[in-house]
């Protein structure tokens, strides 16, 4: 192996380790921020914009506070303490100035300090410190470093002045200095400017993102409505180029699906008409024959063919052309109860919550009727229960029949399938009842599930979003 091959091998190994390390870091941050990150696109986009801005502001503020503001304040405080030390030295050099008039004049005119000399007493007790005591820290440090005498300072009592008392050997020198001479007071303006500009930028970002995400939300609502079999009126391609392309693609797909459904419905209508014509001729020819066991059997076969044809057409058509509208589901359940009692079955109905939901009435009634008729075929007692909350409407049909084994419950939804050893075994059936029910439920954005009933039989549950 040449040196070039060895170099490429090491390079691939390093690249593999780098990719593996990046994957570990990515998984680590995903585990940490999994429950903290927002779920919606609008909230995530705002987070992507605001988070770097806040981090940048924090970094800039820290650098400014730590380097500029802190350094400037300490240097200004050092200059004020130097002036005070100079006044102390001047006092030592002019002992003939008993009333210190000349010294006070020089301090005020040349140094900007108001100096007074008090009798020797104990210094006042230390007062409360401000929350952010950078000036107190800087002055205290410089006084200890340059003068080295007992002192007392007050940076809170007078907003524009700083009072400093230093205990000398025979007097206490009290000095008033301008606050802005020892403190970088324009820092608050800088902080306010940063906060103000950040709020302006965040407001602009919120308004901009709202306009950009609104077309995505409309497209999402349109897709959900179309998936539930509802109308999608006045949807136009708006927003960014990618969102427009997605909206145009959805509108084209919607037109193709509707055109396919129309063609299928027209074809099925023609097939239904032709087959029904043939069955009608059979019935007329049988009616003209003499009554006999053979003709009775043939009539039953023709009736069974008619029922099977209607079931096949209902399954293939799926009532896709029906419009959705608000429907009183409690009234639906009462009608189903009446139908079950008409066939000699005991039935009970309950509904909890607001009973109105937006569905395709005839299709959804067929879905529930198939479940109730399936329960009535194999059970003697039926309980129909409806429940609606802010997200879903659930309707359960319980019976006391033999039920279906858990491992066969998915099979009964297959078209034209009838279980030999289960409740779906029926010579007059087509094996499409549950398949049609699930197809209608899924066209509403929901589903049909089977489970064990408290009554001992089967529980069929229909859940659709509201």
Protein backbone atom coordinates (compact mmCIF):
# COMPACT_ATOMS: atom_id res chain seq x y z
CA UNK A 1 0.00 0.00 0.00
CA UNK A 2 1.42 3.35 -1.07
CA UNK A 3 1.54 6.48 1.05
CA UNK A 4 -1.27 7.98 -1.04
CA UNK A 5 -3.53 5.01 -0.27
CA UNK A 6 -2.67 5.28 3.41
CA UNK A 7 -3.51 8.99 3.34
CA UNK A 8 -6.88 8.35 1.68
CA UNK A 9 -7.64 5.62 4.20
CA UNK A 10 -6.90 7.95 7.11
CA UNK A 11 -8.95 10.69 5.48
CA UNK A 12 -11.95 8.35 5.10
CA UNK A 13 -11.57 7.22 8.70
CA UNK A 14 -11.46 10.83 9.94
CA UNK A 15 -14.49 11.72 7.81
CA UNK A 16 -16.38 8.72 9.18
CA UNK A 17 -15.58 9.72 12.75
CA UNK A 18 -16.65 13.29 12.01
CA UNK A 19 -19.98 12.14 10.57
CA UNK A 20 -20.51 9.77 13.50
CA UNK A 21 -19.72 12.55 15.99
CA UNK A 22 -22.13 14.91 14.23
CA UNK A 23 -24.83 12.24 14.39
CA UNK A 24 -24.32 11.77 18.11
CA UNK A 25 -24.45 15.52 18.77
CA UNK A 26 -27.58 15.81 16.63
CA UNK A 27 -29.30 12.96 18.52
CA UNK A 28 -28.23 14.47 21.84
CA UNK A 29 -29.78 17.87 21.05
CA UNK A 30 -32.91 16.22 19.67
CA UNK A 31 -33.40 14.33 22.95
CA UNK A 32 -32.91 17.54 24.94
CA UNK A 33 -35.10 19.84 22.87
CA UNK A 34 -37.70 17.26 21.85
CA UNK A 35 -40.27 18.51 24.33
CA UNK A 36 -39.20 22.16 24.21
CA UNK A 37 -39.40 22.96 20.51
CA UNK A 38 -42.80 24.11 19.21
CA UNK A 39 -44.76 21.83 16.91
CA UNK A 40 -46.31 24.29 14.47
CA UNK A 41 -44.55 25.74 11.42
CA UNK A 42 -45.38 29.32 12.41
CA UNK A 43 -43.99 28.87 15.93
CA UNK A 44 -40.88 27.09 14.65
CA UNK A 45 -40.19 29.79 12.07
CA UNK A 46 -40.49 32.46 14.77
CA UNK A 47 -38.19 30.42 17.00
CA UNK A 48 -35.62 30.16 14.19
CA UNK A 49 -35.66 33.95 13.79
CA UNK A 50 -35.95 35.00 17.42
CA UNK A 51 -33.52 32.50 18.98
CA UNK A 52 -30.41 33.70 17.05
CA UNK A 53 -31.46 37.30 17.65
CA UNK A 54 -31.75 36.77 21.40
CA UNK A 55 -28.46 34.87 21.53
CA UNK A 56 -26.74 37.65 19.57
CA UNK A 57 -28.18 40.31 21.87
CA UNK A 58 -27.01 38.40 24.92
CA UNK A 59 -23.51 38.05 23.52
CA UNK A 60 -23.33 41.71 22.50
CA UNK A 61 -24.65 42.83 25.88
CA UNK A 62 -22.18 40.61 27.72
CA UNK A 63 -19.26 41.89 25.66
CA UNK A 64 -20.39 45.48 26.11
CA UNK A 65 -20.96 45.12 29.85
CA UNK A 66 -17.80 43.16 30.46
CA UNK A 67 -15.42 45.09 28.22
CA UNK A 68 -16.69 48.55 27.39
CA UNK A 69 -19.02 49.54 30.22
CA UNK A 70 -17.00 47.87 32.96
CA UNK A 71 -13.68 49.22 31.73
CA UNK A 72 -14.94 52.75 31.17
CA UNK A 73 -16.63 52.88 34.57
CA UNK A 74 -13.49 51.67 36.33
CA UNK A 75 -11.33 54.20 34.55
CA UNK A 76 -13.71 57.06 35.33
CA UNK A 77 -13.86 55.97 38.97
CA UNK A 78 -10.06 55.80 39.08
CA UNK A 79 -9.84 59.36 37.71
CA UNK A 80 -12.26 60.69 40.36
CA UNK A 81 -10.31 58.95 43.13
CA UNK A 82 -7.07 60.41 41.73
CA UNK A 83 -8.60 63.89 41.97
CA UNK A 84 -9.63 63.21 45.56
CA UNK A 85 -6.11 61.97 46.37
CA UNK A 86 -4.70 65.13 44.80
CA UNK A 87 -6.93 67.26 47.06
CA UNK A 88 -5.66 65.33 50.10
CA UNK A 89 -2.06 65.97 49.01
CA UNK A 90 -2.79 69.69 48.46
CA UNK A 91 -4.21 69.91 51.97
CA UNK A 92 -0.93 68.59 53.33
CA UNK A 93 1.03 71.14 51.30
CA UNK A 94 -1.00 74.20 52.43
CA UNK A 95 -1.24 73.96 56.22
CA UNK A 96 -1.64 77.74 56.49
CA UNK A 97 -5.05 77.53 54.79
CA UNK A 98 -7.02 77.05 58.00
CA UNK A 99 -10.53 77.36 56.59
CA UNK A 100 -9.65 75.46 53.38
CA UNK A 101 -11.32 78.12 51.24
CA UNK A 102 -8.61 78.12 48.60
CA UNK A 103 -8.50 74.34 48.57
CA UNK A 104 -12.28 74.11 48.09
CA UNK A 105 -12.09 76.65 45.29
CA UNK A 106 -9.38 74.78 43.43
CA UNK A 107 -11.23 71.47 43.87
CA UNK A 108 -14.50 72.90 42.54
CA UNK A 109 -13.11 75.00 39.68
CA UNK A 110 -10.32 72.74 38.49
CA UNK A 111 -11.48 69.26 39.44
CA UNK A 112 -15.27 69.58 39.55
CA UNK A 113 -15.45 68.37 43.16
CA UNK A 114 -17.38 69.86 46.06
CA UNK A 115 -15.12 69.33 49.08
CA UNK A 116 -15.90 69.90 52.74
CA UNK A 117 -14.02 69.05 55.93
CA UNK A 118 -15.94 67.75 58.93
CA UNK A 119 -14.87 67.07 62.52
CA UNK A 120 -13.50 63.63 63.21
CA UNK A 121 -16.42 61.32 63.90
CA UNK A 122 -17.33 57.79 63.09
CA UNK A 123 -18.31 57.21 59.50
CA UNK A 124 -22.02 56.59 58.84
CA UNK A 125 -23.16 52.99 58.67
CA UNK A 126 -23.06 51.34 55.29
CA UNK A 127 -26.40 51.83 53.51
CA UNK A 128 -28.21 49.52 51.13
CA UNK A 129 -26.39 48.71 47.93
CA UNK A 130 -28.06 48.94 44.53
CA UNK A 131 -28.90 45.72 42.71
CA UNK A 132 -26.22 46.28 40.09
CA UNK A 133 -23.41 47.96 42.09
CA UNK A 134 -20.68 48.30 39.47
CA UNK A 135 -19.98 51.92 40.51
CA UNK A 136 -19.77 50.95 44.19
CA UNK A 137 -17.35 48.18 43.38
CA UNK A 138 -15.14 50.35 41.18
CA UNK A 139 -15.00 53.29 43.65
CA UNK A 140 -14.34 51.02 46.64
CA UNK A 141 -11.53 49.23 44.86
CA UNK A 142 -9.85 52.47 43.74
CA UNK A 143 -10.20 54.11 47.18
CA UNK A 144 -8.55 51.14 48.85
CA UNK A 145 -5.83 51.06 46.23
CA UNK A 146 -4.94 54.78 45.95
CA UNK A 147 -5.81 56.25 49.37
CA UNK A 148 -5.89 53.37 51.79
CA UNK A 149 -7.93 55.17 54.48
CA UNK A 150 -11.34 54.30 55.99
CA UNK A 151 -14.08 55.55 53.67
CA UNK A 152 -17.82 55.62 53.16
CA UNK A 153 -19.62 56.09 49.85
CA UNK A 154 -23.22 56.70 48.85
CA UNK A 155 -24.23 56.23 45.22
CA UNK A 156 -27.97 55.97 45.89
CA UNK A 157 -29.00 58.99 47.97
CA UNK A 158 -28.62 61.65 45.27
CA UNK A 159 -29.27 60.56 41.73
CA UNK A 160 -26.83 63.00 40.03
CA UNK A 161 -24.09 63.07 42.72
CA UNK A 162 -21.85 60.58 44.46
CA UNK A 163 -20.91 61.25 48.07
CA UNK A 164 -17.55 60.02 49.34
CA UNK A 165 -16.30 60.42 52.94
CA UNK A 166 -12.68 59.65 53.84
CA UNK A 167 -11.46 59.58 57.41
CA UNK A 168 -8.11 61.39 57.71
CA UNK A 169 -6.03 61.84 60.83
CA UNK A 170 -7.69 65.04 62.11
CA UNK A 171 -10.74 65.53 59.90
CA UNK A 172 -13.26 63.70 57.72
CA UNK A 173 -13.17 64.94 54.13
CA UNK A 174 -16.56 64.84 52.42
CA UNK A 175 -16.55 65.02 48.64
CA UNK A 176 -19.43 65.33 46.18
CA UNK A 177 -18.61 64.31 42.62
CA UNK A 178 -20.82 64.27 39.57
CA UNK A 179 -22.18 60.78 38.94
CA UNK A 180 -21.48 60.93 35.21
CA UNK A 181 -17.84 61.77 36.00
CA UNK A 182 -17.37 58.35 37.64
CA UNK A 183 -19.92 56.26 35.77
CA UNK A 184 -20.62 55.46 32.10
CA UNK A 185 -24.23 56.57 32.27
CA UNK A 186 -25.02 56.20 28.57
CA UNK A 187 -25.07 52.41 28.86
CA UNK A 188 -28.80 52.39 29.63
CA UNK A 189 -29.42 54.15 26.33
CA UNK A 190 -27.48 51.44 24.56
CA UNK A 191 -29.46 48.68 26.27
CA UNK A 192 -32.77 50.40 25.57
CA UNK A 193 -31.76 50.85 21.95
CA UNK A 194 -30.97 47.14 21.63
CA UNK A 195 -34.23 46.10 23.24
CA UNK A 196 -36.22 48.56 21.13
CA UNK A 197 -34.65 47.46 17.85
CA UNK A 198 -35.16 43.81 18.82
CA UNK A 199 -38.85 44.40 19.47
CA UNK A 200 -39.21 46.18 16.12
CA UNK A 201 -37.46 43.35 14.28
CA UNK A 202 -39.55 40.72 16.06
CA UNK A 203 -42.76 42.58 15.20
CA UNK A 204 -41.75 42.80 11.55
CA UNK A 205 -40.82 39.10 11.57
CA UNK A 206 -44.19 38.13 13.09
CA UNK A 207 -46.14 40.14 10.51
CA UNK A 208 -44.03 38.83 7.63
CA UNK A 209 -44.20 35.20 8.74
CA UNK A 210 -47.94 35.40 9.31
CA UNK A 211 -48.44 36.48 5.70
CA UNK A 212 -46.07 33.79 4.45
CA UNK A 213 -47.56 30.95 6.47
CA UNK A 214 -51.22 31.84 5.94
CA UNK A 215 -51.25 30.24 2.42
CA UNK A 216 -49.70 27.07 3.88
CA UNK A 217 -52.41 26.90 6.54
CA UNK A 218 -55.12 27.42 3.91
CA UNK A 219 -53.61 24.68 1.76
CA UNK A 220 -53.48 22.35 4.77
CA UNK A 221 -57.13 23.03 5.60
CA UNK A 222 -58.08 22.44 1.97
CA UNK A 223 -56.24 19.10 1.84
CA UNK A 224 -57.88 17.96 5.10
CA UNK A 225 -61.33 19.02 3.89
CA UNK A 226 -60.89 17.29 0.55
CA UNK A 227 -59.66 14.14 2.32
CA UNK A 228 -62.86 14.17 4.40
CA UNK A 229 -65.05 14.51 1.31
CA UNK A 230 -65.90 18.18 1.87
CA UNK A 231 -65.89 21.03 -0.62
CA UNK A 232 -62.80 23.17 -1.08
CA UNK A 233 -64.14 26.51 -2.34
CA UNK A 234 -62.09 29.55 -3.40
CA UNK A 235 -58.65 27.98 -2.99
CA UNK A 236 -56.09 29.92 -5.01
CA UNK A 237 -52.34 29.60 -5.35
CA UNK A 238 -50.80 32.29 -3.14
CA UNK A 239 -47.65 32.90 -1.16
CA UNK A 240 -44.08 31.98 -1.96
CA UNK A 241 -43.12 30.14 -5.13
CA UNK A 242 -42.85 26.75 -3.43
CA UNK A 243 -46.25 27.19 -1.74
CA UNK A 244 -47.81 28.21 -5.05
CA UNK A 245 -46.41 25.11 -6.71
CA UNK A 246 -47.83 22.91 -3.95
CA UNK A 247 -51.25 24.60 -4.23
CA UNK A 248 -51.28 24.25 -8.03
CA UNK A 249 -50.29 20.57 -7.73
CA UNK A 250 -53.09 19.99 -5.21
CA UNK A 251 -55.68 21.72 -7.42
CA UNK A 252 -54.60 19.65 -10.42
CA UNK A 253 -54.74 16.45 -8.34
CA UNK A 254 -58.17 17.44 -7.02
CA UNK A 255 -59.45 17.99 -10.57
CA UNK A 256 -58.09 14.60 -11.71
CA UNK A 257 -59.65 12.80 -8.74
CA UNK A 258 -63.02 14.47 -9.28
CA UNK A 259 -62.88 13.71 -13.02
CA UNK A 260 -62.03 10.07 -12.29
CA UNK A 261 -64.90 9.80 -9.82
CA UNK A 262 -67.31 11.33 -12.31
CA UNK A 263 -66.20 8.92 -15.03
CA UNK A 264 -66.47 5.95 -12.68
CA UNK A 265 -69.91 7.04 -11.51
CA UNK A 266 -71.11 7.43 -15.09
CA UNK A 267 -69.71 4.02 -16.03
CA UNK A 268 -71.30 2.38 -13.00
CA UNK A 269 -74.61 4.03 -13.77
CA UNK A 270 -74.49 2.55 -17.28
CA UNK A 271 -73.51 -0.90 -16.00
CA UNK A 272 -76.23 -0.73 -13.35
CA UNK A 273 -78.83 0.22 -15.94
CA UNK A 274 -77.85 -2.61 -18.29
CA UNK A 275 -77.72 -5.27 -15.58
CA UNK A 276 -80.97 -4.14 -14.01
CA UNK A 277 -82.62 -4.39 -17.44
CA UNK A 278 -81.51 -8.01 -17.77
CA UNK A 279 -82.68 -8.81 -14.23
CA UNK A 280 -86.03 -7.17 -14.93
CA UNK A 281 -86.48 -9.40 -18.02
CA UNK A 282 -85.66 -12.43 -15.88
CA UNK A 283 -88.32 -11.40 -13.37
CA UNK A 284 -90.92 -10.89 -16.13
CA UNK A 285 -90.13 -14.24 -17.74
CA UNK A 286 -90.34 -15.98 -14.36
CA UNK A 287 -93.65 -14.27 -13.65
CA UNK A 288 -95.09 -15.72 -16.89
CA UNK A 289 -94.12 -19.26 -15.95
CA UNK A 290 -96.29 -21.54 -13.88
CA UNK A 291 -95.67 -21.69 -10.16
CA UNK A 292 -93.32 -24.51 -9.20
CA UNK A 293 -90.50 -25.19 -6.77
CA UNK A 294 -88.02 -24.56 -9.57
CA UNK A 295 -89.44 -21.11 -10.41
CA UNK A 296 -89.47 -20.15 -6.74
CA UNK A 297 -85.79 -21.03 -6.46
CA UNK A 298 -85.02 -19.04 -9.59
CA UNK A 299 -86.89 -16.01 -8.22
CA UNK A 300 -84.83 -16.18 -5.03
CA UNK A 301 -81.66 -16.32 -7.12
CA UNK A 302 -82.74 -13.27 -9.11
CA UNK A 303 -83.55 -11.35 -5.92
CA UNK A 304 -80.17 -12.30 -4.49
CA UNK A 305 -78.46 -11.12 -7.69
CA UNK A 306 -80.29 -7.79 -7.39
CA UNK A 307 -79.14 -7.32 -3.80
CA UNK A 308 -75.57 -8.27 -4.64
CA UNK A 309 -75.58 -5.87 -7.61
CA UNK A 310 -76.74 -3.02 -5.39
CA UNK A 311 -74.05 -3.87 -2.82
CA UNK A 312 -71.30 -3.98 -5.46
CA UNK A 313 -72.39 -0.66 -6.95
CA UNK A 314 -72.61 0.98 -3.52
CA UNK A 315 -69.11 -0.23 -2.67
CA UNK A 316 -67.61 0.92 -5.97
CA UNK A 317 -69.45 4.24 -6.01
CA UNK A 318 -68.78 5.14 -2.37
CA UNK A 319 -71.21 8.09 -2.55
CA UNK A 320 -68.31 10.38 -3.46
CA UNK A 321 -70.55 12.86 -5.18
CA UNK A 322 -72.58 13.67 -2.06
CA UNK A 323 -71.87 16.97 -0.32
CA UNK A 324 -71.08 17.24 3.35
CA UNK A 325 -73.47 19.13 5.59
CA UNK A 326 -74.19 19.51 9.33
CA UNK A 327 -76.19 16.49 10.44
CA UNK A 328 -77.95 15.57 13.67
CA UNK A 329 -76.33 12.29 14.61
CA UNK A 330 -78.68 11.67 17.54
CA UNK A 331 -81.59 11.53 15.07
CA UNK A 332 -79.59 9.09 12.92
CA UNK A 333 -79.09 6.78 15.88
CA UNK A 334 -82.79 6.89 16.75
CA UNK A 335 -83.64 5.83 13.18
CA UNK A 336 -81.16 2.96 13.40
CA UNK A 337 -82.74 1.88 16.68
CA UNK A 338 -86.17 1.86 15.08
CA UNK A 339 -84.89 -0.23 12.14
CA UNK A 340 -83.31 -2.76 14.52
CA UNK A 341 -86.51 -3.05 16.55
CA UNK A 342 -88.49 -3.49 13.36
CA UNK A 343 -86.44 -6.65 12.69
CA UNK A 344 -87.24 -8.01 16.14
CA UNK A 345 -84.08 -6.95 17.97
CA UNK A 346 -83.84 -5.15 21.31
CA UNK A 347 -81.94 -1.86 20.90
CA UNK A 348 -80.84 1.04 23.11
CA UNK A 349 -79.37 4.41 22.08
CA UNK A 350 -77.33 7.03 23.97
CA UNK A 351 -75.48 10.12 22.77
CA UNK A 352 -73.14 12.28 24.83
CA UNK A 353 -72.09 15.77 23.77
CA UNK A 354 -73.16 18.06 20.95
CA UNK A 355 -74.85 15.78 18.39
CA UNK A 356 -74.33 17.83 15.20
CA UNK A 357 -71.40 16.88 12.94
CA UNK A 358 -70.50 17.69 9.33
CA UNK A 359 -70.75 14.48 7.29
CA UNK A 360 -72.18 13.20 4.02
CA UNK A 361 -75.57 12.21 5.43
CA UNK A 362 -76.60 9.32 3.17
CA UNK A 363 -73.14 7.79 3.03
CA UNK A 364 -72.57 7.99 6.78
CA UNK A 365 -76.03 6.61 7.48
CA UNK A 366 -75.21 3.65 5.22
CA UNK A 367 -71.97 3.14 7.18
CA UNK A 368 -73.83 2.99 10.50
CA UNK A 369 -76.69 0.96 9.03
CA UNK A 370 -74.24 -1.69 7.80
CA UNK A 371 -72.76 -2.00 11.29
CA UNK A 372 -76.19 -2.18 12.95
CA UNK A 373 -77.51 -4.71 10.43
CA UNK A 374 -74.39 -6.81 10.91
CA UNK A 375 -74.97 -6.73 14.67
CA UNK A 376 -78.69 -7.53 14.24
CA UNK A 377 -77.87 -10.50 12.01
CA UNK A 378 -75.85 -12.23 14.72
CA UNK A 379 -77.17 -10.82 17.99
CA UNK A 380 -80.50 -10.36 19.74
CA UNK A 381 -79.65 -7.16 21.67
CA UNK A 382 -77.88 -4.03 20.38
CA UNK A 383 -76.58 -0.94 22.13
CA UNK A 384 -75.66 2.13 20.07
CA UNK A 385 -73.64 4.83 21.84
CA UNK A 386 -72.43 8.16 20.47
CA UNK A 387 -69.88 10.54 21.98
CA UNK A 388 -68.45 13.79 20.68
CA UNK A 389 -65.68 16.04 22.02
CA UNK A 390 -63.80 18.98 20.51
CA UNK A 391 -61.81 16.71 18.15
CA UNK A 392 -63.63 13.46 17.37
CA UNK A 393 -67.05 11.89 17.19
CA UNK A 394 -67.18 8.20 18.10
CA UNK A 395 -70.14 5.87 17.61
CA UNK A 396 -70.01 2.32 18.98
CA UNK A 397 -72.34 -0.57 18.13
CA UNK A 398 -72.34 -3.41 20.69
CA UNK A 399 -74.15 -6.74 20.40
CA UNK A 400 -74.44 -10.02 22.30
CA UNK A 401 -73.61 -12.27 19.36
CA UNK A 402 -70.80 -14.81 18.98
CA UNK A 403 -68.24 -12.16 18.04
CA UNK A 404 -65.19 -12.50 15.79
CA UNK A 405 -61.83 -13.95 16.87
CA UNK A 406 -59.19 -11.20 17.28
CA UNK A 407 -56.94 -12.73 14.64
CA UNK A 408 -59.72 -12.58 12.02
CA UNK A 409 -61.04 -9.08 12.64
CA UNK A 410 -58.89 -7.44 9.97
CA UNK A 411 -59.97 -10.04 7.40
CA UNK A 412 -63.66 -9.16 7.58
CA UNK A 413 -62.94 -5.72 6.06
CA UNK A 414 -61.66 -7.29 2.84
CA UNK A 415 -64.17 -6.96 -0.01
CA UNK A 416 -66.15 -10.10 -0.96
CA UNK A 417 -64.69 -12.05 1.97
CA UNK A 418 -66.97 -14.02 4.30
CA UNK A 419 -65.59 -15.95 7.24
CA UNK A 420 -66.60 -19.60 7.29
CA UNK A 421 -66.52 -19.99 11.05
CA UNK A 422 -67.41 -16.45 12.11
CA UNK A 423 -70.34 -14.12 12.25
CA UNK A 424 -69.93 -12.93 8.66
CA UNK A 425 -71.07 -16.28 7.29
CA UNK A 426 -74.35 -15.53 5.53
CA UNK A 427 -75.59 -17.20 2.38
CA UNK A 428 -77.56 -14.13 1.29
CA UNK A 429 -74.75 -11.66 1.93
CA UNK A 430 -72.08 -10.35 -0.41
CA UNK A 431 -69.29 -9.85 2.13
CA UNK A 432 -69.23 -6.08 1.51
CA UNK A 433 -71.05 -4.63 4.54
CA UNK A 434 -68.02 -3.95 6.73
CA UNK A 435 -65.85 -3.06 3.73
CA UNK A 436 -68.35 -0.38 2.68
CA UNK A 437 -68.57 0.89 6.27
CA UNK A 438 -64.79 1.26 6.59
CA UNK A 439 -64.51 2.85 3.15
CA UNK A 440 -67.12 5.48 4.06
CA UNK A 441 -65.53 6.14 7.46
CA UNK A 442 -62.08 6.61 5.91
CA UNK A 443 -63.50 8.93 3.27
CA UNK A 444 -64.54 11.12 6.24
CA UNK A 445 -61.01 11.04 7.65
CA UNK A 446 -61.81 8.38 10.25
CA UNK A 447 -61.88 4.60 10.54
CA UNK A 448 -63.84 1.58 11.79
CA UNK A 449 -62.33 -0.59 14.55
CA UNK A 450 -63.54 -3.91 15.95
CA UNK A 451 -63.15 -5.08 19.54
CA UNK A 452 -64.75 -7.01 22.36
CA UNK A 453 -68.15 -5.82 23.55
CA UNK A 454 -69.18 -5.61 27.22
CA UNK A 455 -72.34 -7.42 26.12
CA UNK A 456 -70.28 -10.47 25.19
CA UNK A 457 -70.29 -10.05 21.43
CA UNK A 458 -68.56 -7.67 19.04
CA UNK A 459 -68.02 -3.93 19.37
CA UNK A 460 -67.77 -1.91 16.15
CA UNK A 461 -66.52 1.66 16.65
CA UNK A 462 -66.61 4.46 14.10
CA UNK A 463 -64.46 7.51 14.83
CA UNK A 464 -64.28 10.55 12.57
CA UNK A 465 -62.80 14.01 13.15
CA UNK A 466 -65.23 16.87 13.66
